[in-house]
PDB file of N, CA and C in Angstrom:
ATOM      1  N   MET A   1       0.849  -1.170   0.000  1.00  0.00           N
ATOM      2  CA  MET A   1       0.000   0.000   0.000  1.00  0.00           C
ATOM      3  C   MET A   1       0.892   1.229   0.000  1.00  0.00           C
ATOM      4  N   LYS A   2       0.374   2.315  -0.539  1.00  0.00           N
ATOM      5  CA  LYS A   2       1.096   3.581  -0.521  1.00  0.00           C
ATOM      6  C   LYS A   2       0.812   4.272   0.804  1.00  0.00           C
ATOM      7  N   VAL A   3       1.877   4.737   1.460  1.00  0.00           N
ATOM      8  CA  VAL A   3       1.733   5.406   2.755  1.00  0.00           C
ATOM      9  C   VAL A   3       2.280   6.821   2.634  1.00  0.00           C
ATOM     10  N   SER A   4       1.502   7.792   3.114  1.00  0.00           N
ATOM     11  CA  SER A   4       1.924   9.193   3.155  1.00  0.00           C
ATOM     12  C   SER A   4       1.737   9.699   4.581  1.00  0.00           C
ATOM     13  N   ILE A   5       2.822  10.215   5.164  1.00  0.00           N
ATOM     14  CA  ILE A   5       2.752  10.803   6.504  1.00  0.00           C
ATOM     15  C   ILE A   5       2.946  12.303   6.327  1.00  0.00           C
ATOM     16  N   LEU A   6       1.927  13.067   6.730  1.00  0.00           N
ATOM     17  CA  LEU A   6       1.914  14.504   6.483  1.00  0.00           C
ATOM     18  C   LEU A   6       1.795  15.296   7.772  1.00  0.00           C
ATOM     19  N   GLU A   7       2.548  16.399   7.839  1.00  0.00           N
ATOM     20  CA  GLU A   7       2.378  17.408   8.871  1.00  0.00           C
ATOM     21  C   GLU A   7       1.663  18.575   8.215  1.00  0.00           C
ATOM     22  N   PRO A   8       1.198  19.559   8.982  1.00  0.00           N
ATOM     23  CA  PRO A   8       0.452  20.657   8.364  1.00  0.00           C
ATOM     24  C   PRO A   8       1.190  21.372   7.224  1.00  0.00           C
ATOM     25  N   LYS A   9       2.501  21.497   7.298  1.00  0.00           N
ATOM     26  CA  LYS A   9       3.218  22.271   6.283  1.00  0.00           C
ATOM     27  C   LYS A   9       4.196  21.467   5.437  1.00  0.00           C
ATOM     28  N   LYS A  10       4.293  20.147   5.659  1.00  0.00           N
ATOM     29  CA  LYS A  10       5.248  19.377   4.851  1.00  0.00           C
ATOM     30  C   LYS A  10       4.902  17.895   4.831  1.00  0.00           C
ATOM     31  N   VAL A  11       5.480  17.224   3.854  1.00  0.00           N
ATOM     32  CA  VAL A  11       5.374  15.770   3.760  1.00  0.00           C
ATOM     33  C   VAL A  11       6.538  15.196   4.564  1.00  0.00           C
ATOM     34  N   VAL A  12       6.235  14.377   5.560  1.00  0.00           N
ATOM     35  CA  VAL A  12       7.268  13.796   6.410  1.00  0.00           C
ATOM     36  C   VAL A  12       7.880  12.569   5.737  1.00  0.00           C
ATOM     37  N   TRP A  13       7.018  11.710   5.171  1.00  0.00           N
ATOM     38  CA  TRP A  13       7.508  10.488   4.527  1.00  0.00           C
ATOM     39  C   TRP A  13       6.455   9.951   3.578  1.00  0.00           C
ATOM     40  N   GLU A  14       6.905   9.424   2.446  1.00  0.00           N
ATOM     41  CA  GLU A  14       6.034   8.734   1.504  1.00  0.00           C
ATOM     42  C   GLU A  14       6.756   7.492   1.013  1.00  0.00           C
ATOM     43  N   GLY A  15       6.018   6.410   0.869  1.00  0.00           N
ATOM     44  CA  GLY A  15       6.616   5.185   0.381  1.00  0.00           C
ATOM     45  C   GLY A  15       5.619   4.047   0.373  1.00  0.00           C
ATOM     46  N   GLN A  16       6.122   2.859   0.108  1.00  0.00           N
ATOM     47  CA  GLN A  16       5.308   1.650   0.073  1.00  0.00           C
ATOM     48  C   GLN A  16       5.529   0.848   1.353  1.00  0.00           C
ATOM     49  N   ALA A  17       4.502   0.163   1.811  1.00  0.00           N
ATOM     50  CA  ALA A  17       4.598  -0.677   3.003  1.00  0.00           C
ATOM     51  C   ALA A  17       3.622  -1.836   2.888  1.00  0.00           C
ATOM     52  N   LYS A  18       4.006  -2.970   3.417  1.00  0.00           N
ATOM     53  CA  LYS A  18       3.117  -4.132   3.460  1.00  0.00           C
ATOM     54  C   LYS A  18       2.301  -4.152   4.750  1.00  0.00           C
ATOM     55  N   LYS A  19       2.878  -3.524   5.815  1.00  0.00           N
ATOM     56  CA  LYS A  19       2.207  -3.520   7.117  1.00  0.00           C
ATOM     57  C   LYS A  19       2.558  -2.230   7.854  1.00  0.00           C
ATOM     58  N   VAL A  20       1.547  -1.616   8.475  1.00  0.00           N
ATOM     59  CA  VAL A  20       1.757  -0.401   9.270  1.00  0.00           C
ATOM     60  C   VAL A  20       1.030  -0.583  10.592  1.00  0.00           C
ATOM     61  N   ARG A  21       1.712  -0.294  11.694  1.00  0.00           N
ATOM     62  CA  ARG A  21       1.094  -0.342  13.021  1.00  0.00           C
ATOM     63  C   ARG A  21       0.860   1.083  13.496  1.00  0.00           C
ATOM     64  N   LEU A  22      -0.375   1.337  13.916  1.00  0.00           N
ATOM     65  CA  LEU A  22      -0.787   2.682  14.300  1.00  0.00           C
ATOM     66  C   LEU A  22      -1.229   2.724  15.758  1.00  0.00           C
ATOM     67  N   PRO A  23      -0.902   3.805  16.481  1.00  0.00           N
ATOM     68  CA  PRO A  23      -1.379   3.968  17.859  1.00  0.00           C
ATOM     69  C   PRO A  23      -2.777   4.597  17.866  1.00  0.00           C
ATOM     70  N   ALA A  24      -3.796   3.778  17.729  1.00  0.00           N
ATOM     71  CA  ALA A  24      -5.184   4.258  17.708  1.00  0.00           C
ATOM     72  C   ALA A  24      -5.666   4.536  19.127  1.00  0.00           C
ATOM     73  N   GLU A  25      -6.774   5.244  19.254  1.00  0.00           N
ATOM     74  CA  GLU A  25      -7.316   5.574  20.577  1.00  0.00           C
ATOM     75  C   GLU A  25      -7.660   4.340  21.396  1.00  0.00           C
ATOM     76  N   ASP A  26      -8.122   3.264  20.745  1.00  0.00           N
ATOM     77  CA  ASP A  26      -8.532   2.052  21.456  1.00  0.00           C
ATOM     78  C   ASP A  26      -7.416   1.023  21.580  1.00  0.00           C
ATOM     79  N   GLY A  27      -6.200   1.357  21.152  1.00  0.00           N
ATOM     80  CA  GLY A  27      -5.080   0.431  21.193  1.00  0.00           C
ATOM     81  C   GLY A  27      -4.375   0.399  19.853  1.00  0.00           C
ATOM     82  N   GLU A  28      -3.356  -0.429  19.756  1.00  0.00           N
ATOM     83  CA  GLU A  28      -2.584  -0.511  18.526  1.00  0.00           C
ATOM     84  C   GLU A  28      -3.353  -1.246  17.429  1.00  0.00           C
ATOM     85  N   VAL A  29      -3.301  -0.709  16.211  1.00  0.00           N
ATOM     86  CA  VAL A  29      -3.985  -1.290  15.062  1.00  0.00           C
ATOM     87  C   VAL A  29      -2.947  -1.630  14.004  1.00  0.00           C
ATOM     88  N   CYS A  30      -3.051  -2.834  13.435  1.00  0.00           N
ATOM     89  CA  CYS A  30      -2.163  -3.263  12.362  1.00  0.00           C
ATOM     90  C   CYS A  30      -2.934  -3.188  11.045  1.00  0.00           C
ATOM     91  N   VAL A  31      -2.394  -2.438  10.078  1.00  0.00           N
ATOM     92  CA  VAL A  31      -3.032  -2.256   8.777  1.00  0.00           C
ATOM     93  C   VAL A  31      -2.196  -2.996   7.735  1.00  0.00           C
ATOM     94  N   LEU A  32      -2.832  -3.911   7.000  1.00  0.00           N
ATOM     95  CA  LEU A  32      -2.165  -4.678   5.955  1.00  0.00           C
ATOM     96  C   LEU A  32      -2.653  -4.214   4.589  1.00  0.00           C
ATOM     97  N   ASP A  33      -1.942  -4.648   3.537  1.00  0.00           N
ATOM     98  CA  ASP A  33      -2.363  -4.356   2.164  1.00  0.00           C
ATOM     99  C   ASP A  33      -3.838  -4.675   1.967  1.00  0.00           C
ATOM    100  N   PHE A  34      -4.536  -3.820   1.254  1.00  0.00           N
ATOM    101  CA  PHE A  34      -5.936  -3.990   0.867  1.00  0.00           C
ATOM    102  C   PHE A  34      -6.893  -4.115   2.062  1.00  0.00           C
ATOM    103  N   HIS A  35      -6.534  -3.459   3.168  1.00  0.00           N
ATOM    104  CA  HIS A  35      -7.423  -3.370   4.330  1.00  0.00           C
ATOM    105  C   HIS A  35      -8.674  -2.596   3.913  1.00  0.00           C
ATOM    106  N   ARG A  36      -9.781  -2.850   4.554  1.00  0.00           N
ATOM    107  CA  ARG A  36     -11.008  -2.114   4.214  1.00  0.00           C
ATOM    108  C   ARG A  36     -10.853  -0.640   4.604  1.00  0.00           C
ATOM    109  N   PRO A  37     -11.521   0.261   3.897  1.00  0.00           N
ATOM    110  CA  PRO A  37     -11.388   1.695   4.158  1.00  0.00           C
ATOM    111  C   PRO A  37     -11.776   2.064   5.595  1.00  0.00           C
ATOM    112  N   PHE A  38     -11.085   3.071   6.141  1.00  0.00           N
ATOM    113  CA  PHE A  38     -11.405   3.547   7.486  1.00  0.00           C
ATOM    114  C   PHE A  38     -10.915   4.976   7.675  1.00  0.00           C
ATOM    115  N   LEU A  39     -11.418   5.584   8.729  1.00  0.00           N
ATOM    116  CA  LEU A  39     -10.969   6.880   9.220  1.00  0.00           C
ATOM    117  C   LEU A  39     -10.883   6.726  10.726  1.00  0.00           C
ATOM    118  N   MET A  40      -9.714   6.996  11.306  1.00  0.00           N
ATOM    119  CA  MET A  40      -9.573   6.834  12.763  1.00  0.00           C
ATOM    120  C   MET A  40      -8.673   7.900  13.361  1.00  0.00           C
ATOM    121  N   ARG A  41      -8.926   8.159  14.605  1.00  0.00           N
ATOM    122  CA  ARG A  41      -8.135   9.113  15.382  1.00  0.00           C
ATOM    123  C   ARG A  41      -6.933   8.379  15.965  1.00  0.00           C
ATOM    124  N   LEU A  42      -5.768   9.031  15.935  1.00  0.00           N
ATOM    125  CA  LEU A  42      -4.550   8.466  16.508  1.00  0.00           C
ATOM    126  C   LEU A  42      -4.218   9.182  17.810  1.00  0.00           C
ATOM    127  N   ARG A  43      -3.587   8.463  18.711  1.00  0.00           N
ATOM    128  CA  ARG A  43      -3.160   9.034  19.994  1.00  0.00           C
ATOM    129  C   ARG A  43      -1.632   9.121  20.012  1.00  0.00           C
ATOM    130  N   LYS A  44      -1.086   9.628  21.087  1.00  0.00           N
ATOM    131  CA  LYS A  44       0.365   9.699  21.252  1.00  0.00           C
ATOM    132  C   LYS A  44       0.934   8.289  21.217  1.00  0.00           C
ATOM    133  N   GLY A  45       1.987   8.096  20.438  1.00  0.00           N
ATOM    134  CA  GLY A  45       2.606   6.782  20.326  1.00  0.00           C
ATOM    135  C   GLY A  45       3.585   6.734  19.173  1.00  0.00           C
ATOM    136  N   VAL A  46       3.827   5.525  18.681  1.00  0.00           N
ATOM    137  CA  VAL A  46       4.808   5.312  17.618  1.00  0.00           C
ATOM    138  C   VAL A  46       4.143   4.630  16.428  1.00  0.00           C
ATOM    139  N   ILE A  47       4.373   5.181  15.241  1.00  0.00           N
ATOM    140  CA  ILE A  47       3.947   4.537  13.994  1.00  0.00           C
ATOM    141  C   ILE A  47       5.095   3.652  13.547  1.00  0.00           C
ATOM    142  N   ARG A  48       4.795   2.388  13.247  1.00  0.00           N
ATOM    143  CA  ARG A  48       5.817   1.431  12.798  1.00  0.00           C
ATOM    144  C   ARG A  48       5.445   0.911  11.422  1.00  0.00           C
ATOM    145  N   SER A  49       6.426   0.946  10.501  1.00  0.00           N
ATOM    146  CA  SER A  49       6.160   0.508   9.148  1.00  0.00           C
ATOM    147  C   SER A  49       7.416  -0.058   8.515  1.00  0.00           C
ATOM    148  N   ASP A  50       7.467  -1.370   8.296  1.00  0.00           N
ATOM    149  CA  ASP A  50       8.579  -2.021   7.587  1.00  0.00           C
ATOM    150  C   ASP A  50       9.948  -1.453   7.974  1.00  0.00           C
ATOM    151  N   GLY A  51      10.254  -1.418   9.258  1.00  0.00           N
ATOM    152  CA  GLY A  51      11.549  -0.939   9.730  1.00  0.00           C
ATOM    153  C   GLY A  51      11.604   0.547  10.044  1.00  0.00           C
ATOM    154  N   GLN A  52      10.611   1.308   9.641  1.00  0.00           N
ATOM    155  CA  GLN A  52      10.543   2.736   9.935  1.00  0.00           C
ATOM    156  C   GLN A  52       9.789   2.928  11.250  1.00  0.00           C
ATOM    157  N   ARG A  53      10.208   3.923  12.031  1.00  0.00           N
ATOM    158  CA  ARG A  53       9.519   4.259  13.281  1.00  0.00           C
ATOM    159  C   ARG A  53       9.412   5.775  13.385  1.00  0.00           C
ATOM    160  N   MET A  54       8.261   6.248  13.838  1.00  0.00           N
ATOM    161  CA  MET A  54       8.075   7.682  14.019  1.00  0.00           C
ATOM    162  C   MET A  54       7.164   7.929  15.215  1.00  0.00           C
ATOM    163  N   ALA A  55       7.644   8.726  16.154  1.00  0.00           N
ATOM    164  CA  ALA A  55       6.845   9.092  17.322  1.00  0.00           C
ATOM    165  C   ALA A  55       5.932  10.255  16.948  1.00  0.00           C
ATOM    166  N   ILE A  56       4.670  10.185  17.391  1.00  0.00           N
ATOM    167  CA  ILE A  56       3.712  11.256  17.116  1.00  0.00           C
ATOM    168  C   ILE A  56       3.006  11.666  18.405  1.00  0.00           C
ATOM    169  N   LYS A  57       2.456  12.883  18.394  1.00  0.00           N
ATOM    170  CA  LYS A  57       1.660  13.370  19.534  1.00  0.00           C
ATOM    171  C   LYS A  57       0.190  13.009  19.349  1.00  0.00           C
ATOM    172  N   ASP A  58      -0.317  13.152  18.127  1.00  0.00           N
ATOM    173  CA  ASP A  58      -1.677  12.749  17.786  1.00  0.00           C
ATOM    174  C   ASP A  58      -1.844  12.869  16.280  1.00  0.00           C
ATOM    175  N   GLY A  59      -3.028  12.494  15.795  1.00  0.00           N
ATOM    176  CA  GLY A  59      -3.249  12.590  14.359  1.00  0.00           C
ATOM    177  C   GLY A  59      -4.521  11.892  13.917  1.00  0.00           C
ATOM    178  N   ILE A  60      -4.639  11.776  12.599  1.00  0.00           N
ATOM    179  CA  ILE A  60      -5.773  11.110  11.966  1.00  0.00           C
ATOM    180  C   ILE A  60      -5.230  10.198  10.873  1.00  0.00           C
ATOM    181  N   ALA A  61      -5.790   8.998  10.764  1.00  0.00           N
ATOM    182  CA  ALA A  61      -5.415   8.042   9.716  1.00  0.00           C
ATOM    183  C   ALA A  61      -6.609   7.831   8.802  1.00  0.00           C
ATOM    184  N   PHE A  62      -6.340   7.816   7.501  1.00  0.00           N
ATOM    185  CA  PHE A  62      -7.382   7.649   6.499  1.00  0.00           C
ATOM    186  C   PHE A  62      -6.894   6.649   5.459  1.00  0.00           C
ATOM    187  N   LEU A  63      -7.648   5.574   5.258  1.00  0.00           N
ATOM    188  CA  LEU A  63      -7.284   4.561   4.259  1.00  0.00           C
ATOM    189  C   LEU A  63      -8.406   4.422   3.249  1.00  0.00           C
ATOM    190  N   ARG A  64      -8.029   4.499   1.972  1.00  0.00           N
ATOM    191  CA  ARG A  64      -8.989   4.325   0.888  1.00  0.00           C
ATOM    192  C   ARG A  64      -8.215   3.919  -0.366  1.00  0.00           C
ATOM    193  N   SER A  65      -8.715   2.923  -1.079  1.00  0.00           N
ATOM    194  CA  SER A  65      -8.098   2.454  -2.324  1.00  0.00           C
ATOM    195  C   SER A  65      -6.628   2.082  -2.132  1.00  0.00           C
ATOM    196  N   ASN A  66      -6.331   1.436  -1.017  1.00  0.00           N
ATOM    197  CA  ASN A  66      -4.986   0.972  -0.666  1.00  0.00           C
ATOM    198  C   ASN A  66      -3.979   2.119  -0.532  1.00  0.00           C
ATOM    199  N   ASN A  67      -4.465   3.323  -0.223  1.00  0.00           N
ATOM    200  CA  ASN A  67      -3.626   4.488   0.065  1.00  0.00           C
ATOM    201  C   ASN A  67      -3.882   4.915   1.502  1.00  0.00           C
ATOM    202  N   LEU A  68      -2.856   4.804   2.340  1.00  0.00           N
ATOM    203  CA  LEU A  68      -2.957   5.194   3.744  1.00  0.00           C
ATOM    204  C   LEU A  68      -2.350   6.583   3.909  1.00  0.00           C
ATOM    205  N   THR A  69      -3.165   7.530   4.357  1.00  0.00           N
ATOM    206  CA  THR A  69      -2.701   8.882   4.596  1.00  0.00           C
ATOM    207  C   THR A  69      -2.802   9.167   6.085  1.00  0.00           C
ATOM    208  N   LEU A  70      -1.696   9.624   6.656  1.00  0.00           N
ATOM    209  CA  LEU A  70      -1.625   9.928   8.085  1.00  0.00           C
ATOM    210  C   LEU A  70      -1.344  11.419   8.243  1.00  0.00           C
ATOM    211  N   PHE A  71      -2.291  12.134   8.851  1.00  0.00           N
ATOM    212  CA  PHE A  71      -2.114  13.541   9.179  1.00  0.00           C
ATOM    213  C   PHE A  71      -1.697  13.582  10.647  1.00  0.00           C
ATOM    214  N   VAL A  72      -0.444  13.984  10.926  1.00  0.00           N
ATOM    215  CA  VAL A  72       0.085  13.853  12.281  1.00  0.00           C
ATOM    216  C   VAL A  72       0.704  15.148  12.791  1.00  0.00           C
ATOM    217  N   GLU A  73       0.868  15.184  14.116  1.00  0.00           N
ATOM    218  CA  GLU A  73       1.646  16.200  14.793  1.00  0.00           C
ATOM    219  C   GLU A  73       2.778  15.477  15.502  1.00  0.00           C
ATOM    220  N   VAL A  74       4.008  15.861  15.186  1.00  0.00           N
ATOM    221  CA  VAL A  74       5.171  15.184  15.792  1.00  0.00           C
ATOM    222  C   VAL A  74       5.823  16.038  16.834  1.00  0.00           C
TER     223      VAL A  74
END
């Protein structure tokens, strides 16, 4: 899936990933290729993706058509 991590004024990271772990409000969520579409709120934690790690304060995750977009505050 295509993953885009965005801050209000810049693109933090873009690339491909087979699996992404997100710190959702209800606990950690694992997103795999072709996951069903969703919109969820993220809490303070770490985003993990194929060896990449990024700490965030909060954000929103949006998945549609195998494109995961993360609007975050780091």
